[in-house]
Full PDB file with SEQRES, HELIX, SHEET, SSBOND, CRYST1, ORIGX, SCALE, CONECT and MASTER records, all heavy atoms in Angstrom:
SEQRES   1 A   31  HIS GLY TYR TRP LEU LYS LYS HIS GLY LEU GLU GLY GLU          
SEQRES   2 A   31  TYR GLY ARG LEU ASP VAL PRO PRO GLU ASN ALA GLU ARG          
SEQRES   3 A   31  PHE TYR GLY ASN PHE                                          
HELIX    1 AA1 GLY A    2  HIS A    8  1                                   7    
HELIX    2 AA2 PRO A   21  ASN A   23  5                                   3    
HELIX    3 AA3 ALA A   24  GLY A   29  1                                   6    
CRYST1    1.000    1.000    1.000  90.00  90.00  90.00 P 1           1          
ORIGX1      1.000000  0.000000  0.000000        0.00000                         
ORIGX2      0.000000  1.000000  0.000000        0.00000                         
ORIGX3      0.000000  0.000000  1.000000        0.00000                         
SCALE1      1.000000  0.000000  0.000000        0.00000                         
SCALE2      0.000000  1.000000  0.000000        0.00000                         
SCALE3      0.000000  0.000000  1.000000        0.00000                         
ATOM      1  N   HIS A   1       4.154   2.537   3.121  1.00  0.00           N  
ATOM      2  CA  HIS A   1       3.386   1.442   3.727  1.00  0.00           C  
ATOM      3  C   HIS A   1       4.162   0.763   4.849  1.00  0.00           C  
ATOM      4  O   HIS A   1       3.570   0.326   5.846  1.00  0.00           O  
ATOM      5  CB  HIS A   1       2.974   0.445   2.645  1.00  0.00           C  
ATOM      6  CG  HIS A   1       1.966   0.999   1.693  1.00  0.00           C  
ATOM      7  ND1 HIS A   1       0.655   1.205   2.027  1.00  0.00           N  
ATOM      8  CD2 HIS A   1       2.085   1.428   0.405  1.00  0.00           C  
ATOM      9  CE1 HIS A   1       0.000   1.717   1.000  1.00  0.00           C  
ATOM     10  NE2 HIS A   1       0.859   1.865   0.003  1.00  0.00           N  
ATOM     11  N   GLY A   2       5.482   0.686   4.703  1.00  0.00           N  
ATOM     12  CA  GLY A   2       6.303   0.130   5.770  1.00  0.00           C  
ATOM     13  C   GLY A   2       6.214   0.966   7.040  1.00  0.00           C  
ATOM     14  O   GLY A   2       6.162   0.434   8.156  1.00  0.00           O  
ATOM     15  N   TYR A   3       6.196   2.266   6.877  1.00  0.00           N  
ATOM     16  CA  TYR A   3       6.049   3.184   8.011  1.00  0.00           C  
ATOM     17  C   TYR A   3       4.739   2.931   8.737  1.00  0.00           C  
ATOM     18  O   TYR A   3       4.696   2.823   9.971  1.00  0.00           O  
ATOM     19  CB  TYR A   3       6.116   4.630   7.497  1.00  0.00           C  
ATOM     20  CG  TYR A   3       5.760   5.681   8.519  1.00  0.00           C  
ATOM     21  CD1 TYR A   3       6.727   6.202   9.390  1.00  0.00           C  
ATOM     22  CD2 TYR A   3       4.462   6.174   8.610  1.00  0.00           C  
ATOM     23  CE1 TYR A   3       6.405   7.185  10.322  1.00  0.00           C  
ATOM     24  CE2 TYR A   3       4.131   7.155   9.545  1.00  0.00           C  
ATOM     25  CZ  TYR A   3       5.104   7.651  10.392  1.00  0.00           C  
ATOM     26  OH  TYR A   3       4.783   8.622  11.320  1.00  0.00           O  
ATOM     27  N   TRP A   4       3.656   2.797   7.981  1.00  0.00           N  
ATOM     28  CA  TRP A   4       2.344   2.578   8.595  1.00  0.00           C  
ATOM     29  C   TRP A   4       2.231   1.193   9.240  1.00  0.00           C  
ATOM     30  O   TRP A   4       1.615   1.044  10.293  1.00  0.00           O  
ATOM     31  CB  TRP A   4       1.244   2.791   7.573  1.00  0.00           C  
ATOM     32  CG  TRP A   4       0.984   4.233   7.262  1.00  0.00           C  
ATOM     33  CD1 TRP A   4       1.165   5.302   8.095  1.00  0.00           C  
ATOM     34  CD2 TRP A   4       0.503   4.769   6.030  1.00  0.00           C  
ATOM     35  NE1 TRP A   4       0.818   6.475   7.456  1.00  0.00           N  
ATOM     36  CE2 TRP A   4       0.410   6.177   6.193  1.00  0.00           C  
ATOM     37  CE3 TRP A   4       0.133   4.204   4.802  1.00  0.00           C  
ATOM     38  CZ2 TRP A   4      -0.038   7.018   5.169  1.00  0.00           C  
ATOM     39  CZ3 TRP A   4      -0.308   5.038   3.795  1.00  0.00           C  
ATOM     40  CH2 TRP A   4      -0.396   6.435   3.976  1.00  0.00           C  
ATOM     41  N   LEU A   5       2.803   0.169   8.605  1.00  0.00           N  
ATOM     42  CA  LEU A   5       2.778  -1.165   9.201  1.00  0.00           C  
ATOM     43  C   LEU A   5       3.452  -1.148  10.581  1.00  0.00           C  
ATOM     44  O   LEU A   5       2.934  -1.718  11.554  1.00  0.00           O  
ATOM     45  CB  LEU A   5       3.477  -2.176   8.285  1.00  0.00           C  
ATOM     46  CG  LEU A   5       2.685  -2.651   7.056  1.00  0.00           C  
ATOM     47  CD1 LEU A   5       3.595  -3.398   6.092  1.00  0.00           C  
ATOM     48  CD2 LEU A   5       1.501  -3.533   7.469  1.00  0.00           C  
ATOM     49  N   LYS A   6       4.583  -0.478  10.645  1.00  0.00           N  
ATOM     50  CA  LYS A   6       5.302  -0.379  11.922  1.00  0.00           C  
ATOM     51  C   LYS A   6       4.517   0.463  12.912  1.00  0.00           C  
ATOM     52  O   LYS A   6       4.407   0.116  14.102  1.00  0.00           O  
ATOM     53  CB  LYS A   6       6.691   0.224  11.671  1.00  0.00           C  
ATOM     54  CG  LYS A   6       7.570   0.269  12.905  1.00  0.00           C  
ATOM     55  CD  LYS A   6       8.962   0.798  12.567  1.00  0.00           C  
ATOM     56  CE  LYS A   6       9.838   0.853  13.812  1.00  0.00           C  
ATOM     57  NZ  LYS A   6      11.203   1.376  13.495  1.00  0.00           N  
ATOM     58  N   LYS A   7       3.962   1.571  12.442  1.00  0.00           N  
ATOM     59  CA  LYS A   7       3.226   2.509  13.299  1.00  0.00           C  
ATOM     60  C   LYS A   7       2.021   1.827  13.943  1.00  0.00           C  
ATOM     61  O   LYS A   7       1.710   2.061  15.124  1.00  0.00           O  
ATOM     62  CB  LYS A   7       2.763   3.700  12.460  1.00  0.00           C  
ATOM     63  CG  LYS A   7       2.361   4.924  13.262  1.00  0.00           C  
ATOM     64  CD  LYS A   7       3.589   5.693  13.701  1.00  0.00           C  
ATOM     65  CE  LYS A   7       3.222   7.018  14.332  1.00  0.00           C  
ATOM     66  NZ  LYS A   7       4.396   7.700  14.900  1.00  0.00           N  
ATOM     67  N   HIS A   8       1.338   0.974  13.182  1.00  0.00           N  
ATOM     68  CA  HIS A   8       0.136   0.304  13.681  1.00  0.00           C  
ATOM     69  C   HIS A   8       0.443  -1.070  14.294  1.00  0.00           C  
ATOM     70  O   HIS A   8      -0.475  -1.751  14.763  1.00  0.00           O  
ATOM     71  CB  HIS A   8      -0.885   0.145  12.553  1.00  0.00           C  
ATOM     72  CG  HIS A   8      -1.525   1.445  12.145  1.00  0.00           C  
ATOM     73  ND1 HIS A   8      -2.583   1.995  12.812  1.00  0.00           N  
ATOM     74  CD2 HIS A   8      -1.224   2.315  11.147  1.00  0.00           C  
ATOM     75  CE1 HIS A   8      -2.926   3.137  12.242  1.00  0.00           C  
ATOM     76  NE2 HIS A   8      -2.113   3.355  11.232  1.00  0.00           N  
ATOM     77  N   GLY A   9       1.719  -1.480  14.264  1.00  0.00           N  
ATOM     78  CA  GLY A   9       2.095  -2.764  14.847  1.00  0.00           C  
ATOM     79  C   GLY A   9       1.441  -3.947  14.149  1.00  0.00           C  
ATOM     80  O   GLY A   9       1.044  -4.920  14.792  1.00  0.00           O  
ATOM     81  N   LEU A  10       1.347  -3.875  12.832  1.00  0.00           N  
ATOM     82  CA  LEU A  10       0.653  -4.906  12.063  1.00  0.00           C  
ATOM     83  C   LEU A  10       1.618  -5.927  11.467  1.00  0.00           C  
ATOM     84  O   LEU A  10       2.736  -5.578  11.055  1.00  0.00           O  
ATOM     85  CB  LEU A  10      -0.160  -4.262  10.934  1.00  0.00           C  
ATOM     86  CG  LEU A  10      -1.269  -3.293  11.357  1.00  0.00           C  
ATOM     87  CD1 LEU A  10      -1.888  -2.638  10.132  1.00  0.00           C  
ATOM     88  CD2 LEU A  10      -2.334  -4.022  12.169  1.00  0.00           C  
ATOM     89  N   GLU A  11       1.172  -7.169  11.396  1.00  0.00           N  
ATOM     90  CA  GLU A  11       1.932  -8.207  10.703  1.00  0.00           C  
ATOM     91  C   GLU A  11       1.593  -8.118   9.221  1.00  0.00           C  
ATOM     92  O   GLU A  11       0.470  -8.407   8.812  1.00  0.00           O  
ATOM     93  CB  GLU A  11       1.557  -9.589  11.249  1.00  0.00           C  
ATOM     94  CG  GLU A  11       2.038  -9.853  12.669  1.00  0.00           C  
ATOM     95  CD  GLU A  11       3.554  -9.977  12.766  1.00  0.00           C  
ATOM     96  OE1 GLU A  11       4.165 -10.462  11.793  1.00  0.00           O  
ATOM     97  OE2 GLU A  11       4.118  -9.580  13.796  1.00  0.00           O  
ATOM     98  N   GLY A  12       2.534  -7.715   8.448  1.00  0.00           N  
ATOM     99  CA  GLY A  12       2.301  -7.583   7.020  1.00  0.00           C  
ATOM    100  C   GLY A  12       3.577  -7.197   6.315  1.00  0.00           C  
ATOM    101  O   GLY A  12       4.565  -6.807   6.952  1.00  0.00           O  
ATOM    102  N   GLU A  13       3.563  -7.317   5.011  1.00  0.00           N  
ATOM    103  CA  GLU A  13       4.727  -6.954   4.204  1.00  0.00           C  
ATOM    104  C   GLU A  13       4.278  -6.147   2.997  1.00  0.00           C  
ATOM    105  O   GLU A  13       3.190  -6.382   2.448  1.00  0.00           O  
ATOM    106  CB  GLU A  13       5.472  -8.198   3.701  1.00  0.00           C  
ATOM    107  CG  GLU A  13       6.231  -8.950   4.757  1.00  0.00           C  
ATOM    108  CD  GLU A  13       7.001 -10.135   4.171  1.00  0.00           C  
ATOM    109  OE1 GLU A  13       6.964 -10.312   2.926  1.00  0.00           O  
ATOM    110  OE2 GLU A  13       7.631 -10.870   4.949  1.00  0.00           O  
ATOM    111  N   TYR A  14       5.133  -5.205   2.610  1.00  0.00           N  
ATOM    112  CA  TYR A  14       4.896  -4.452   1.375  1.00  0.00           C  
ATOM    113  C   TYR A  14       6.235  -4.345   0.665  1.00  0.00           C  
ATOM    114  O   TYR A  14       7.200  -3.792   1.210  1.00  0.00           O  
ATOM    115  CB  TYR A  14       4.328  -3.058   1.672  1.00  0.00           C  
ATOM    116  CG  TYR A  14       3.935  -2.312   0.415  1.00  0.00           C  
ATOM    117  CD1 TYR A  14       2.611  -2.273  -0.001  1.00  0.00           C  
ATOM    118  CD2 TYR A  14       4.887  -1.664  -0.375  1.00  0.00           C  
ATOM    119  CE1 TYR A  14       2.241  -1.608  -1.160  1.00  0.00           C  
ATOM    120  CE2 TYR A  14       4.539  -1.011  -1.531  1.00  0.00           C  
ATOM    121  CZ  TYR A  14       3.210  -0.979  -1.918  1.00  0.00           C  
ATOM    122  OH  TYR A  14       2.853  -0.327  -3.082  1.00  0.00           O  
ATOM    123  N   GLY A  15       6.302  -4.883  -0.557  1.00  0.00           N  
ATOM    124  CA  GLY A  15       7.562  -4.903  -1.280  1.00  0.00           C  
ATOM    125  C   GLY A  15       7.450  -4.358  -2.694  1.00  0.00           C  
ATOM    126  O   GLY A  15       6.492  -3.660  -3.036  1.00  0.00           O  
ATOM    127  N   ARG A  16       8.446  -4.687  -3.484  1.00  0.00           N  
ATOM    128  CA  ARG A  16       8.483  -4.273  -4.893  1.00  0.00           C  
ATOM    129  C   ARG A  16       8.433  -5.509  -5.778  1.00  0.00           C  
ATOM    130  O   ARG A  16       9.092  -6.503  -5.490  1.00  0.00           O  
ATOM    131  CB  ARG A  16       9.758  -3.487  -5.202  1.00  0.00           C  
ATOM    132  CG  ARG A  16       9.871  -2.122  -4.551  1.00  0.00           C  
ATOM    133  CD  ARG A  16      11.173  -1.441  -4.980  1.00  0.00           C  
ATOM    134  NE  ARG A  16      11.253  -0.056  -4.529  1.00  0.00           N  
ATOM    135  CZ  ARG A  16      11.768   0.318  -3.367  1.00  0.00           C  
ATOM    136  NH1 ARG A  16      12.265  -0.610  -2.541  1.00  0.00           N  
ATOM    137  NH2 ARG A  16      11.804   1.592  -3.027  1.00  0.00           N  
ATOM    138  N   LEU A  17       7.669  -5.428  -6.857  1.00  0.00           N  
ATOM    139  CA  LEU A  17       7.592  -6.536  -7.804  1.00  0.00           C  
ATOM    140  C   LEU A  17       7.665  -5.966  -9.216  1.00  0.00           C  
ATOM    141  O   LEU A  17       6.712  -5.367  -9.710  1.00  0.00           O  
ATOM    142  CB  LEU A  17       6.296  -7.321  -7.610  1.00  0.00           C  
ATOM    143  CG  LEU A  17       6.121  -8.586  -8.472  1.00  0.00           C  
ATOM    144  CD1 LEU A  17       7.287  -9.552  -8.263  1.00  0.00           C  
ATOM    145  CD2 LEU A  17       4.807  -9.267  -8.128  1.00  0.00           C  
ATOM    146  N   ASP A  18       8.825  -6.128  -9.833  1.00  0.00           N  
ATOM    147  CA  ASP A  18       9.021  -5.620 -11.194  1.00  0.00           C  
ATOM    148  C   ASP A  18       8.360  -6.571 -12.192  1.00  0.00           C  
ATOM    149  O   ASP A  18       8.632  -7.771 -12.181  1.00  0.00           O  
ATOM    150  CB  ASP A  18      10.512  -5.485 -11.491  1.00  0.00           C  
ATOM    151  CG  ASP A  18      10.776  -4.641 -12.727  1.00  0.00           C  
ATOM    152  OD1 ASP A  18      10.411  -5.078 -13.832  1.00  0.00           O  
ATOM    153  OD2 ASP A  18      11.344  -3.541 -12.579  1.00  0.00           O  
ATOM    154  N   VAL A  19       7.482  -6.026 -13.009  1.00  0.00           N  
ATOM    155  CA  VAL A  19       6.756  -6.825 -14.004  1.00  0.00           C  
ATOM    156  C   VAL A  19       7.253  -6.431 -15.396  1.00  0.00           C  
ATOM    157  O   VAL A  19       7.005  -5.312 -15.851  1.00  0.00           O  
ATOM    158  CB  VAL A  19       5.239  -6.580 -13.914  1.00  0.00           C  
ATOM    159  CG1 VAL A  19       4.507  -7.408 -14.964  1.00  0.00           C  
ATOM    160  CG2 VAL A  19       4.717  -6.896 -12.519  1.00  0.00           C  
ATOM    161  N   PRO A  20       7.967  -7.309 -16.087  1.00  0.00           N  
ATOM    162  CA  PRO A  20       8.421  -6.981 -17.438  1.00  0.00           C  
ATOM    163  C   PRO A  20       7.221  -6.640 -18.330  1.00  0.00           C  
ATOM    164  O   PRO A  20       6.169  -7.293 -18.227  1.00  0.00           O  
ATOM    165  CB  PRO A  20       9.113  -8.264 -17.909  1.00  0.00           C  
ATOM    166  CG  PRO A  20       9.491  -8.978 -16.648  1.00  0.00           C  
ATOM    167  CD  PRO A  20       8.406  -8.652 -15.668  1.00  0.00           C  
ATOM    168  N   PRO A  21       7.345  -5.635 -19.189  1.00  0.00           N  
ATOM    169  CA  PRO A  21       6.222  -5.212 -20.027  1.00  0.00           C  
ATOM    170  C   PRO A  21       5.582  -6.355 -20.817  1.00  0.00           C  
ATOM    171  O   PRO A  21       4.353  -6.399 -20.944  1.00  0.00           O  
ATOM    172  CB  PRO A  21       6.862  -4.179 -20.956  1.00  0.00           C  
ATOM    173  CG  PRO A  21       7.991  -3.617 -20.166  1.00  0.00           C  
ATOM    174  CD  PRO A  21       8.528  -4.754 -19.359  1.00  0.00           C  
ATOM    175  N   GLU A  22       6.405  -7.294 -21.296  1.00  0.00           N  
ATOM    176  CA  GLU A  22       5.850  -8.383 -22.105  1.00  0.00           C  
ATOM    177  C   GLU A  22       5.014  -9.356 -21.260  1.00  0.00           C  
ATOM    178  O   GLU A  22       4.251 -10.163 -21.797  1.00  0.00           O  
ATOM    179  CB  GLU A  22       6.965  -9.144 -22.824  1.00  0.00           C  
ATOM    180  CG  GLU A  22       7.977  -9.827 -21.925  1.00  0.00           C  
ATOM    181  CD  GLU A  22       9.143  -8.932 -21.535  1.00  0.00           C  
ATOM    182  OE1 GLU A  22       9.027  -7.674 -21.658  1.00  0.00           O  
ATOM    183  OE2 GLU A  22      10.174  -9.481 -21.095  1.00  0.00           O  
ATOM    184  N   ASN A  23       5.156  -9.271 -19.934  1.00  0.00           N  
ATOM    185  CA  ASN A  23       4.406 -10.161 -19.041  1.00  0.00           C  
ATOM    186  C   ASN A  23       3.217  -9.478 -18.367  1.00  0.00           C  
ATOM    187  O   ASN A  23       2.485 -10.126 -17.609  1.00  0.00           O  
ATOM    188  CB  ASN A  23       5.325 -10.715 -17.934  1.00  0.00           C  
ATOM    189  CG  ASN A  23       6.418 -11.616 -18.478  1.00  0.00           C  
ATOM    190  OD1 ASN A  23       6.338 -12.065 -19.619  1.00  0.00           O  
ATOM    191  ND2 ASN A  23       7.427 -11.875 -17.666  1.00  0.00           N  
ATOM    192  N   ALA A  24       3.030  -8.180 -18.615  1.00  0.00           N  
ATOM    193  CA  ALA A  24       2.060  -7.403 -17.842  1.00  0.00           C  
ATOM    194  C   ALA A  24       0.634  -7.938 -17.961  1.00  0.00           C  
ATOM    195  O   ALA A  24      -0.050  -8.143 -16.945  1.00  0.00           O  
ATOM    196  CB  ALA A  24       2.108  -5.939 -18.265  1.00  0.00           C  
ATOM    197  N   GLU A  25       0.168  -8.183 -19.177  1.00  0.00           N  
ATOM    198  CA  GLU A  25      -1.216  -8.660 -19.338  1.00  0.00           C  
ATOM    199  C   GLU A  25      -1.418 -10.000 -18.647  1.00  0.00           C  
ATOM    200  O   GLU A  25      -2.448 -10.221 -17.984  1.00  0.00           O  
ATOM    201  CB  GLU A  25      -1.572  -8.757 -20.825  1.00  0.00           C  
ATOM    202  CG  GLU A  25      -1.754  -7.399 -21.485  1.00  0.00           C  
ATOM    203  CD  GLU A  25      -2.337  -7.525 -22.888  1.00  0.00           C  
ATOM    204  OE1 GLU A  25      -2.941  -8.573 -23.208  1.00  0.00           O  
ATOM    205  OE2 GLU A  25      -2.186  -6.563 -23.659  1.00  0.00           O  
ATOM    206  N   ARG A  26      -0.449 -10.873 -18.764  1.00  0.00           N  
ATOM    207  CA  ARG A  26      -0.557 -12.189 -18.126  1.00  0.00           C  
ATOM    208  C   ARG A  26      -0.505 -12.060 -16.599  1.00  0.00           C  
ATOM    209  O   ARG A  26      -1.277 -12.716 -15.890  1.00  0.00           O  
ATOM    210  CB  ARG A  26       0.553 -13.114 -18.629  1.00  0.00           C  
ATOM    211  CG  ARG A  26       0.448 -14.541 -18.075  1.00  0.00           C  
ATOM    212  CD  ARG A  26       1.342 -15.519 -18.823  1.00  0.00           C  
ATOM    213  NE  ARG A  26       2.764 -15.268 -18.634  1.00  0.00           N  
ATOM    214  CZ  ARG A  26       3.564 -14.753 -19.577  1.00  0.00           C  
ATOM    215  NH1 ARG A  26       3.078 -14.443 -20.780  1.00  0.00           N  
ATOM    216  NH2 ARG A  26       4.843 -14.562 -19.339  1.00  0.00           N  
ATOM    217  N   PHE A  27       0.375 -11.201 -16.099  1.00  0.00           N  
ATOM    218  CA  PHE A  27       0.513 -11.038 -14.651  1.00  0.00           C  
ATOM    219  C   PHE A  27      -0.782 -10.525 -14.023  1.00  0.00           C  
ATOM    220  O   PHE A  27      -1.289 -11.110 -13.054  1.00  0.00           O  
ATOM    221  CB  PHE A  27       1.660 -10.079 -14.319  1.00  0.00           C  
ATOM    222  CG  PHE A  27       1.747  -9.735 -12.858  1.00  0.00           C  
ATOM    223  CD1 PHE A  27       2.333 -10.613 -11.959  1.00  0.00           C  
ATOM    224  CD2 PHE A  27       1.213  -8.536 -12.374  1.00  0.00           C  
ATOM    225  CE1 PHE A  27       2.389 -10.315 -10.599  1.00  0.00           C  
ATOM    226  CE2 PHE A  27       1.271  -8.235 -11.022  1.00  0.00           C  
ATOM    227  CZ  PHE A  27       1.855  -9.123 -10.136  1.00  0.00           C  
ATOM    228  N   TYR A  28      -1.332  -9.426 -14.563  1.00  0.00           N  
ATOM    229  CA  TYR A  28      -2.543  -8.856 -13.959  1.00  0.00           C  
ATOM    230  C   TYR A  28      -3.764  -9.734 -14.242  1.00  0.00           C  
ATOM    231  O   TYR A  28      -4.676  -9.812 -13.412  1.00  0.00           O  
ATOM    232  CB  TYR A  28      -2.756  -7.417 -14.433  1.00  0.00           C  
ATOM    233  CG  TYR A  28      -1.660  -6.497 -13.930  1.00  0.00           C  
ATOM    234  CD1 TYR A  28      -0.686  -5.994 -14.805  1.00  0.00           C  
ATOM    235  CD2 TYR A  28      -1.571  -6.174 -12.581  1.00  0.00           C  
ATOM    236  CE1 TYR A  28       0.341  -5.181 -14.341  1.00  0.00           C  
ATOM    237  CE2 TYR A  28      -0.540  -5.364 -12.111  1.00  0.00           C  
ATOM    238  CZ  TYR A  28       0.409  -4.876 -12.987  1.00  0.00           C  
ATOM    239  OH  TYR A  28       1.433  -4.088 -12.511  1.00  0.00           O  
ATOM    240  N   GLY A  29      -3.758 -10.417 -15.376  1.00  0.00           N  
ATOM    241  CA  GLY A  29      -4.854 -11.327 -15.681  1.00  0.00           C  
ATOM    242  C   GLY A  29      -4.881 -12.543 -14.765  1.00  0.00           C  
ATOM    243  O   GLY A  29      -5.932 -13.155 -14.559  1.00  0.00           O  
ATOM    244  N   ASN A  30      -3.712 -12.888 -14.199  1.00  0.00           N  
ATOM    245  CA  ASN A  30      -3.603 -14.027 -13.277  1.00  0.00           C  
ATOM    246  C   ASN A  30      -3.122 -13.556 -11.904  1.00  0.00           C  
ATOM    247  O   ASN A  30      -2.329 -14.234 -11.244  1.00  0.00           O  
ATOM    248  CB  ASN A  30      -2.633 -15.071 -13.840  1.00  0.00           C  
ATOM    249  CG  ASN A  30      -3.105 -15.654 -15.158  1.00  0.00           C  
ATOM    250  OD1 ASN A  30      -4.083 -16.395 -15.202  1.00  0.00           O  
ATOM    251  ND2 ASN A  30      -2.417 -15.308 -16.235  1.00  0.00           N  
ATOM    252  N   PHE A  31      -3.611 -12.415 -11.472  1.00  0.00           N  
ATOM    253  CA  PHE A  31      -3.116 -11.803 -10.241  1.00  0.00           C  
ATOM    254  C   PHE A  31      -3.283 -12.726  -9.036  1.00  0.00           C  
ATOM    255  O   PHE A  31      -2.476 -12.687  -8.106  1.00  0.00           O  
ATOM    256  CB  PHE A  31      -3.837 -10.473  -9.986  1.00  0.00           C  
ATOM    257  CG  PHE A  31      -3.309  -9.722  -8.801  1.00  0.00           C  
ATOM    258  CD1 PHE A  31      -2.148  -8.971  -8.915  1.00  0.00           C  
ATOM    259  CD2 PHE A  31      -3.951  -9.786  -7.570  1.00  0.00           C  
ATOM    260  CE1 PHE A  31      -1.636  -8.292  -7.806  1.00  0.00           C  
ATOM    261  CE2 PHE A  31      -3.448  -9.110  -6.468  1.00  0.00           C  
ATOM    262  CZ  PHE A  31      -2.291  -8.357  -6.590  1.00  0.00           C  
TER     263      PHE A  31                                                      
MASTER        0    0    0    3    0    0    0    6  262    1    0    3          
END                                                                             
C-alpha cells in the first residue's frame, strides 16, 4: 500500500496495528 500511495501521489498512511487476542472482539466491535 505504501508503494501505491507513493505511485499515485496520494496523502495517506498505511501502518501496522497489533491487536492482542484478548482485545480482538472489543477492537473490531469498536472499530
